[in-house]
Amino acid sequence: MNYWEPVEAQWKQNHDTALERLLSLTADTHQLFADVATAEAITHAPPSNQNTVERVLLRRLGEELRAVELLAETGHGFQAATLTASLFEQCHFLTYISNNEAKAKEFRTWDNSRYSIGGSIKNLVEASGAIRSWSAERTAEEYKKYELLCGFKHNNPMFIRTILLPSDPDLYLAQLCLCEGNWFILTTLGLFVALRFPVTACDTILARCNLILDKIKQNYPVFPSPSKDQSYS
């Protein structure tokens, strides 16, 4: 048996109740995502660079959320944060490139292994924010979320010190990553549907998106406060 299997099973058993609601909402997101990816607007669209690239990116994004979920529910909170940063990148990349045949063609013919389309992640988020009609302040707020996740991704000691939290840091990070991962995907999916689907097909999907988003808002974790005799400095 793999060393980690009983460790993960025990952690999952200990925290099932604390994660139950968020895992249920994540299942709802997976189903909504699958319904969008298999809708006729996608599967029966005329062949094009745009349609091919969007289907590739949609699959990647759905799998990113699943990977975050698997890490979160088995006690790998720090690793879930790292992967949520990757999910963030994928979400804004999908917004940047979808519904655009010229960019999709560029994607399919790209031959630079050192740099990606769209430049830096900050540039990508700014471009995505413009497509989403966000203000500069809203775009900056979004990028701060990425910077937070990257603190864990890049092993910044200030973030790694969360291991000293008075409660299980992996539980807090699991809850945070499930909330943020769902949030990133649902806001991206809502815009994608609004741009790509017939108006008659949008209302139901957007209503489902908004319902899950409202419930996610109610389940964001509160950062544990240190005890009086504990310092993280």
Protein backbone atom coordinates (compact mmCIF):
# COMPACT_ATOMS: atom_id res chain seq x y z
CA MET A 1 0.00 0.00 0.00
CA ASN A 2 1.18 3.53 -0.78
CA TYR A 3 2.29 5.26 2.43
CA TRP A 4 -0.07 8.17 1.80
CA GLU A 5 -3.28 6.21 1.32
CA PRO A 6 -4.08 5.51 5.00
CA VAL A 7 -2.86 9.00 5.99
CA GLU A 8 -5.19 10.62 3.45
CA ALA A 9 -8.09 8.34 4.37
CA GLN A 10 -7.74 9.24 8.05
CA TRP A 11 -7.51 12.98 7.34
CA LYS A 12 -10.55 12.79 5.08
CA GLN A 13 -12.54 10.92 7.74
CA ASN A 14 -11.59 13.50 10.37
CA HIS A 15 -12.66 16.47 8.22
CA ASP A 16 -15.59 15.11 6.19
CA THR A 17 -18.12 17.22 8.05
CA ALA A 18 -16.13 20.45 7.69
CA LEU A 19 -15.75 19.96 3.92
CA GLU A 20 -19.08 18.33 3.13
CA ARG A 21 -20.87 21.49 2.01
CA LEU A 22 -18.04 22.73 -0.21
CA LEU A 23 -17.54 19.32 -1.80
CA SER A 24 -21.26 19.19 -2.57
CA LEU A 25 -21.09 22.61 -4.23
CA THR A 26 -18.01 21.48 -6.17
CA ALA A 27 -20.01 18.51 -7.46
CA ASP A 28 -22.65 20.98 -8.65
CA THR A 29 -19.95 22.97 -10.45
CA HIS A 30 -18.59 19.83 -12.11
CA GLN A 31 -22.07 18.96 -13.39
CA LEU A 32 -22.70 22.46 -14.68
CA PHE A 33 -19.31 22.46 -16.34
CA ALA A 34 -20.03 19.11 -17.99
CA ASP A 35 -23.41 20.37 -19.23
CA VAL A 36 -21.73 23.37 -20.84
CA ALA A 37 -18.89 21.35 -22.38
CA THR A 38 -21.32 18.84 -23.92
CA ALA A 39 -23.94 21.38 -25.04
CA GLU A 40 -24.81 21.54 -28.74
CA ALA A 41 -23.37 25.06 -28.93
CA ILE A 42 -19.99 23.39 -28.37
CA THR A 43 -20.31 19.86 -29.74
CA HIS A 44 -22.24 20.87 -32.91
CA ALA A 45 -20.39 24.09 -33.67
CA PRO A 46 -18.91 24.31 -37.18
CA PRO A 47 -15.26 23.19 -37.33
CA SER A 48 -12.90 26.08 -36.58
CA ASN A 49 -9.73 26.90 -34.72
CA GLN A 50 -11.87 28.61 -32.11
CA ASN A 51 -14.07 25.60 -31.42
CA THR A 52 -11.12 23.19 -31.28
CA VAL A 53 -9.13 25.35 -28.86
CA GLU A 54 -12.12 26.09 -26.63
CA ARG A 55 -12.87 22.38 -26.24
CA VAL A 56 -9.24 21.65 -25.33
CA LEU A 57 -9.18 24.47 -22.76
CA LEU A 58 -12.56 23.54 -21.28
CA ARG A 59 -11.36 20.00 -20.67
CA ARG A 60 -8.17 21.27 -19.07
CA LEU A 61 -10.11 23.59 -16.80
CA GLY A 62 -12.54 20.92 -15.64
CA GLU A 63 -9.65 18.63 -14.79
CA GLU A 64 -7.86 21.42 -12.89
CA LEU A 65 -10.86 21.80 -10.58
CA ARG A 66 -10.99 18.04 -10.06
CA ALA A 67 -7.30 18.01 -9.12
CA VAL A 68 -7.78 20.86 -6.62
CA GLU A 69 -10.71 18.94 -5.15
CA LEU A 70 -8.73 15.69 -4.77
CA LEU A 71 -5.87 17.49 -3.02
CA ALA A 72 -8.19 19.48 -0.78
CA GLU A 73 -10.28 16.54 0.41
CA THR A 74 -7.23 14.40 1.25
CA GLY A 75 -5.39 16.94 3.39
CA HIS A 76 -2.91 18.42 0.92
CA GLY A 77 -3.85 22.05 1.50
CA PHE A 78 -0.56 23.65 0.48
CA GLN A 79 -0.49 21.67 -2.76
CA ALA A 80 -4.14 22.56 -3.41
CA ALA A 81 -3.18 26.25 -3.14
CA THR A 82 -0.44 25.73 -5.71
CA LEU A 83 -2.85 24.09 -8.12
CA THR A 84 -5.53 26.73 -7.52
CA ALA A 85 -3.01 29.29 -8.77
CA SER A 86 -2.70 27.21 -11.95
CA LEU A 87 -6.49 27.00 -12.22
CA PHE A 88 -6.64 30.80 -11.93
CA GLU A 89 -4.24 31.10 -14.87
CA GLN A 90 -6.29 28.69 -16.97
CA CYS A 91 -9.52 30.57 -16.25
CA HIS A 92 -8.20 33.91 -17.42
CA PHE A 93 -6.50 32.31 -20.40
CA LEU A 94 -9.82 30.81 -21.51
CA THR A 95 -11.46 34.24 -21.25
CA TYR A 96 -8.57 35.82 -23.16
CA ILE A 97 -8.63 33.39 -26.07
CA SER A 98 -12.25 32.19 -26.37
CA ASN A 99 -14.68 33.52 -28.95
CA ASN A 100 -11.74 34.78 -30.99
CA GLU A 101 -10.76 32.92 -34.15
CA ALA A 102 -7.53 34.87 -34.70
CA LYS A 103 -6.22 34.12 -31.21
CA ALA A 104 -7.30 30.49 -31.53
CA LYS A 105 -5.34 30.16 -34.76
CA GLU A 106 -2.32 31.71 -33.04
CA PHE A 107 -2.73 29.14 -30.25
CA ARG A 108 -2.73 26.22 -32.69
CA THR A 109 0.38 27.43 -34.50
CA TRP A 110 2.32 28.68 -31.45
CA ASP A 111 5.96 27.51 -31.50
CA ASN A 112 7.65 29.36 -28.62
CA SER A 113 8.30 26.97 -25.72
CA ARG A 114 9.59 29.72 -23.40
CA TYR A 115 6.71 32.18 -23.56
CA SER A 116 2.97 31.83 -23.86
CA ILE A 117 0.31 33.81 -25.69
CA GLY A 118 -0.78 36.89 -23.78
CA GLY A 119 2.51 37.56 -22.02
CA SER A 120 2.74 37.65 -18.23
CA ILE A 121 -0.10 36.50 -16.00
CA LYS A 122 -0.67 40.10 -14.95
CA ASN A 123 -1.08 41.15 -18.58
CA LEU A 124 -3.39 38.19 -19.14
CA VAL A 125 -5.57 39.15 -16.17
CA GLU A 126 -5.73 42.76 -17.35
CA ALA A 127 -6.80 41.61 -20.83
CA SER A 128 -9.33 39.22 -19.30
CA GLY A 129 -10.60 41.95 -17.00
CA ALA A 130 -11.22 44.22 -19.98
CA ILE A 131 -13.24 41.47 -21.68
CA ARG A 132 -15.21 41.03 -18.46
CA SER A 133 -15.84 44.83 -18.30
CA TRP A 134 -14.09 45.08 -14.95
CA SER A 135 -12.73 48.33 -13.56
CA ALA A 136 -9.00 48.68 -12.94
CA GLU A 137 -9.72 48.29 -9.20
CA ARG A 138 -11.67 45.06 -9.70
CA THR A 139 -8.91 43.66 -11.93
CA ALA A 140 -6.28 44.54 -9.34
CA GLU A 141 -8.35 42.82 -6.65
CA GLU A 142 -8.49 39.69 -8.77
CA TYR A 143 -4.74 39.70 -9.29
CA LYS A 144 -4.18 39.97 -5.52
CA LYS A 145 -5.91 36.62 -5.15
CA TYR A 146 -3.37 35.14 -7.53
CA GLU A 147 -0.50 36.71 -5.59
CA LEU A 148 -1.83 35.11 -2.41
CA LEU A 149 -1.98 31.66 -3.99
CA CYS A 150 1.47 32.13 -5.51
CA GLY A 151 2.85 32.77 -2.04
CA PHE A 152 2.18 29.09 -1.37
CA LYS A 153 3.14 28.01 -4.88
CA HIS A 154 6.59 29.63 -4.66
CA ASN A 155 7.31 28.51 -1.10
CA ASN A 156 7.40 32.02 0.39
CA PRO A 157 8.27 31.51 4.10
CA MET A 158 5.65 34.04 5.21
CA PHE A 159 2.94 31.82 3.71
CA ILE A 160 4.47 28.53 4.75
CA ARG A 161 4.28 29.76 8.37
CA THR A 162 0.53 29.13 8.21
CA ILE A 163 1.53 25.65 9.35
CA LEU A 164 1.63 27.27 12.81
CA LEU A 165 -2.09 28.05 12.76
CA PRO A 166 -3.92 27.03 15.96
CA SER A 167 -6.17 24.80 13.84
CA ASP A 168 -5.31 22.45 10.98
CA PRO A 169 -3.77 24.65 8.22
CA ASP A 170 -4.59 22.05 5.59
CA LEU A 171 -8.27 22.31 6.48
CA TYR A 172 -8.28 26.09 6.16
CA LEU A 173 -6.42 25.90 2.83
CA ALA A 174 -8.71 23.12 1.60
CA GLN A 175 -11.77 25.28 2.29
CA LEU A 176 -10.17 28.37 0.76
CA CYS A 177 -9.07 26.55 -2.40
CA LEU A 178 -12.45 24.91 -2.93
CA CYS A 179 -14.14 28.30 -2.57
CA GLU A 180 -11.71 30.14 -4.83
CA GLY A 181 -11.45 27.31 -7.37
CA ASN A 182 -15.21 27.17 -7.78
CA TRP A 183 -15.43 30.96 -7.87
CA PHE A 184 -12.81 31.31 -10.60
CA ILE A 185 -14.40 28.63 -12.75
CA LEU A 186 -18.00 29.75 -12.35
CA THR A 187 -17.29 33.41 -13.17
CA THR A 188 -15.28 32.29 -16.19
CA LEU A 189 -17.94 29.83 -17.29
CA GLY A 190 -20.71 32.41 -16.97
CA LEU A 191 -18.94 34.82 -19.31
CA PHE A 192 -18.03 32.02 -21.72
CA VAL A 193 -21.67 30.98 -21.99
CA ALA A 194 -22.84 34.57 -22.42
CA LEU A 195 -20.40 35.02 -25.32
CA ARG A 196 -20.82 31.67 -27.02
CA PHE A 197 -24.31 30.30 -26.41
CA PRO A 198 -27.63 31.36 -27.99
CA VAL A 199 -29.54 33.76 -25.77
CA THR A 200 -32.27 31.19 -25.19
CA ALA A 201 -29.74 28.76 -23.73
CA CYS A 202 -28.03 31.26 -21.43
CA ASP A 203 -30.64 32.02 -18.81
CA THR A 204 -30.84 28.58 -17.20
CA ILE A 205 -27.06 28.10 -17.15
CA LEU A 206 -26.38 31.56 -15.75
CA ALA A 207 -29.04 31.06 -13.09
CA ARG A 208 -27.32 27.82 -12.03
CA CYS A 209 -23.97 29.63 -11.98
CA ASN A 210 -25.29 32.41 -9.79
CA LEU A 211 -26.99 30.00 -7.40
CA ILE A 212 -23.74 28.13 -6.75
CA LEU A 213 -21.79 31.41 -6.47
CA ASP A 214 -24.21 32.70 -3.83
CA LYS A 215 -23.73 29.53 -1.79
CA ILE A 216 -19.95 29.66 -2.21
CA LYS A 217 -19.96 33.20 -0.76
CA GLN A 218 -21.64 31.88 2.37
CA ASN A 219 -18.97 29.23 2.89
CA TYR A 220 -15.67 31.13 2.67
CA PRO A 221 -13.52 30.15 5.66
CA VAL A 222 -12.53 32.60 8.38
CA PHE A 223 -8.78 32.79 8.95
CA PRO A 224 -8.13 31.35 12.43
CA SER A 225 -6.91 33.85 15.02
CA PRO A 226 -3.77 32.98 16.98
CA SER A 227 -4.02 32.34 20.69
CA LYS A 228 -2.80 35.10 23.02
CA ASP A 229 0.49 33.35 23.69
CA GLN A 230 1.18 32.43 20.05
CA SER A 231 3.07 34.55 17.52
CA TYR A 232 3.70 33.94 13.81
CA SER A 233 6.33 36.66 13.42
